[in-house]
């Protein structure tokens, strides 16, 4: 493998690893429950919006 390819693959490994891991854990959890893809997406979106609210509240608290 050329050094360029190695560098870029390391870069992407580093920068997309967390998302890939999160996606895997979401998929695994939902598959255990036998959930449909739509249900999985809804669960994911609910979790993310909850996190967003939390972040916004935290941000507002630090701004005051």
Protein backbone atom coordinates (compact mmCIF):
# COMPACT_ATOMS: atom_id res chain seq x y z
CA UNK A 1 0.00 0.00 0.00
CA UNK A 2 1.37 3.43 -0.88
CA UNK A 3 2.05 5.91 1.89
CA UNK A 4 -0.70 8.17 0.54
CA UNK A 5 -3.31 5.43 0.79
CA UNK A 6 -2.11 4.44 4.22
CA UNK A 7 -2.34 8.05 5.43
CA UNK A 8 -5.84 8.55 4.05
CA UNK A 9 -7.10 5.23 5.38
CA UNK A 10 -5.69 6.07 8.82
CA UNK A 11 -7.37 9.45 8.60
CA UNK A 12 -10.75 7.93 7.80
CA UNK A 13 -10.34 5.21 10.37
CA UNK A 14 -9.69 7.88 12.97
CA UNK A 15 -12.48 10.22 11.93
CA UNK A 16 -15.29 7.79 11.14
CA UNK A 17 -14.54 5.12 13.76
CA UNK A 18 -16.81 6.60 16.40
CA UNK A 19 -19.80 6.86 14.07
CA UNK A 20 -19.27 3.35 12.79
CA UNK A 21 -19.08 2.04 16.35
CA UNK A 22 -22.23 3.91 17.36
CA UNK A 23 -24.07 2.57 14.34
CA UNK A 24 -22.98 -0.98 15.17
CA UNK A 25 -24.16 -0.73 18.77
CA UNK A 26 -27.50 0.71 17.67
CA UNK A 27 -27.89 -2.06 15.11
CA UNK A 28 -26.90 -4.76 17.58
CA UNK A 29 -29.31 -3.55 20.26
CA UNK A 30 -32.18 -3.29 17.81
CA UNK A 31 -31.47 -6.65 16.22
CA UNK A 32 -31.61 -8.30 19.63
CA UNK A 33 -35.07 -6.80 20.07
CA UNK A 34 -36.00 -7.90 16.53
CA UNK A 35 -36.91 -4.32 15.62
CA UNK A 36 -37.64 -3.19 12.07
CA UNK A 37 -35.39 -0.73 10.28
CA UNK A 38 -37.94 2.06 10.72
CA UNK A 39 -38.16 1.40 14.45
CA UNK A 40 -34.37 1.41 14.62
CA UNK A 41 -34.22 4.80 12.90
CA UNK A 42 -36.91 6.25 15.17
CA UNK A 43 -35.08 5.03 18.25
CA UNK A 44 -31.86 6.53 16.90
CA UNK A 45 -33.48 9.89 16.12
CA UNK A 46 -35.18 10.05 19.51
CA UNK A 47 -31.86 9.39 21.25
CA UNK A 48 -30.10 12.04 19.15
CA UNK A 49 -32.78 14.69 19.72
CA UNK A 50 -32.65 14.00 23.45
CA UNK A 51 -28.88 14.45 23.35
CA UNK A 52 -29.32 17.65 21.33
CA UNK A 53 -31.69 19.07 23.94
CA UNK A 54 -29.23 18.18 26.67
CA UNK A 55 -26.38 19.89 24.78
CA UNK A 56 -28.49 22.99 24.15
CA UNK A 57 -29.46 23.25 27.81
CA UNK A 58 -25.83 22.81 28.86
CA UNK A 59 -24.74 25.44 26.35
CA UNK A 60 -27.39 27.90 27.56
CA UNK A 61 -26.32 27.30 31.17
CA UNK A 62 -22.69 28.05 30.37
CA UNK A 63 -23.63 31.20 28.46
CA UNK A 64 -25.44 32.79 31.42
